[in-house]
Protein backbone atom coordinates (compact mmCIF):
# COMPACT_ATOMS: atom_id res chain seq x y z
CA MET A 1 78.52 49.44 55.54
CA GLU A 2 79.98 52.82 55.66
CA ILE A 3 83.89 53.54 54.65
CA THR A 4 85.78 56.69 54.60
CA PHE A 5 89.17 56.87 52.75
CA GLN A 6 91.24 59.35 50.54
CA ALA A 7 90.78 59.12 46.98
CA GLN A 8 92.54 60.85 44.21
CA SER A 9 89.44 61.10 41.93
CA ALA A 10 86.19 59.95 41.62
CA SER A 11 82.97 59.32 39.21
CA ILE A 12 79.65 58.81 39.91
CA ASP A 13 77.09 56.63 37.47
CA THR A 14 73.51 56.75 38.40
CA ALA A 15 70.30 55.65 36.19
CA TYR A 16 67.48 58.42 36.71
CA GLY A 17 64.77 57.38 39.23
CA LEU A 18 67.08 54.75 41.00
CA SER A 19 68.13 55.11 44.10
CA ASN A 20 71.54 52.94 43.54
CA ILE A 21 74.53 54.85 42.47
CA ASN A 22 77.95 53.24 41.29
CA LEU A 23 80.75 55.16 42.62
CA THR A 24 84.24 54.66 40.76
CA VAL A 25 87.46 56.11 42.91
CA GLU A 26 91.18 56.09 42.11
CA ALA A 27 92.41 55.17 45.69
CA ASP A 28 95.49 53.78 47.50
CA GLY A 29 94.20 50.39 47.81
CA ARG A 30 96.30 49.56 51.31
CA GLU A 31 94.64 53.05 52.61
CA VAL A 32 91.22 51.62 51.95
CA ALA A 33 92.05 48.05 53.27
CA GLU A 34 92.95 49.78 56.72
CA ALA A 35 89.90 51.61 56.85
CA LEU A 36 88.31 48.08 56.88
CA ASP A 37 87.54 45.94 59.62
CA LEU A 38 89.60 42.39 59.55
CA ASP A 39 86.31 40.56 58.96
CA ASP A 40 85.70 42.69 55.93
CA ARG A 41 88.97 42.33 54.52
CA LEU A 42 89.24 38.64 54.53
CA TYR A 43 85.61 38.06 53.40
CA GLY A 44 85.82 35.26 50.97
CA LEU A 45 89.09 34.24 51.40
CA GLY A 46 89.93 30.89 52.10
CA PRO A 47 92.64 29.44 54.72
CA SER A 48 95.08 28.82 51.76
CA ASP A 49 94.61 32.13 50.17
CA ILE A 50 95.42 34.01 53.50
CA ILE A 51 98.32 31.61 53.88
CA SER A 52 99.80 31.97 50.47
CA GLU A 53 99.96 35.86 50.74
CA PHE A 54 102.43 35.59 53.79
CA SER A 55 105.24 33.21 53.94
CA ARG A 56 104.08 30.36 56.56
CA ASN A 57 107.22 30.77 58.71
CA ASP A 58 106.41 34.51 59.14
CA LEU A 59 102.67 33.86 59.55
CA LEU A 60 103.40 30.84 62.21
CA GLU A 61 105.96 33.19 64.02
CA THR A 62 103.51 35.94 64.19
CA ILE A 63 100.52 33.82 65.43
CA GLY A 64 102.86 31.91 67.87
CA GLU A 65 102.96 28.11 68.57
CA ASP A 66 100.60 28.34 71.31
CA GLY A 67 97.95 30.44 69.19
CA VAL A 68 98.06 27.90 66.62
CA ARG A 69 97.76 25.16 68.42
CA GLU A 70 94.52 26.46 70.55
CA TRP A 71 93.22 27.21 67.31
CA LEU A 72 93.70 23.99 65.59
CA LEU A 73 92.38 21.94 68.72
CA ALA A 74 89.15 24.28 68.41
CA ASN A 75 88.62 24.57 64.81
CA SER A 76 89.91 21.37 62.90
CA ASN A 77 89.82 17.31 62.74
CA PRO A 78 93.43 16.37 63.91
CA ASP A 79 93.40 13.71 61.06
CA ASP A 80 92.75 16.15 58.71
CA THR A 81 95.00 18.39 59.83
CA LEU A 82 97.90 15.97 59.68
CA GLU A 83 96.90 14.92 56.30
CA TYR A 84 97.00 18.51 54.77
CA ILE A 85 100.45 19.15 56.62
CA GLY A 86 101.77 15.72 54.92
CA LEU A 87 103.62 12.52 55.89
CA ASP A 88 106.85 13.52 54.23
CA LYS A 89 106.48 17.13 56.19
CA ILE A 90 105.79 15.12 59.33
CA HIS A 91 109.04 12.78 58.98
CA GLU A 92 111.13 15.85 58.01
CA PHE A 93 110.07 17.47 61.34
CA LEU A 94 110.68 14.68 63.46
CA SER A 95 113.93 13.50 62.19
CA HIS A 96 115.51 17.30 62.74
CA GLY A 97 114.53 17.06 66.68
CA GLU A 98 117.11 16.71 69.27
CA PRO A 99 117.77 12.87 70.10
CA ASP A 100 116.35 12.84 73.82
CA GLY A 101 115.29 9.32 73.52
CA ASN A 102 111.29 10.17 73.29
CA SER A 103 111.48 10.18 69.14
CA PRO A 104 108.70 8.27 67.95
CA VAL A 105 111.16 7.64 64.71
């Protein structure tokens, strides 16, 4: 991988005869992250790591209901998804719906 970014300072550490070097830089982490591809930014992070970084509501609003639904259907077991959400949250959601006679609760 090659990455280019602005740095305030840099130091190089190398051993004689080796082709590898360690480069230490002082830089703005956000500028470095912006230079990375999304896959590289998210590498090693699990879904809970990403969700905990943002508020759940902001994340869901940004993605949109249809986007979340499509992803869940394609990438998860519905039983696991419901278990992760939790019965208390499901009941809370269902109880706040408008009464239209179609509510299963």
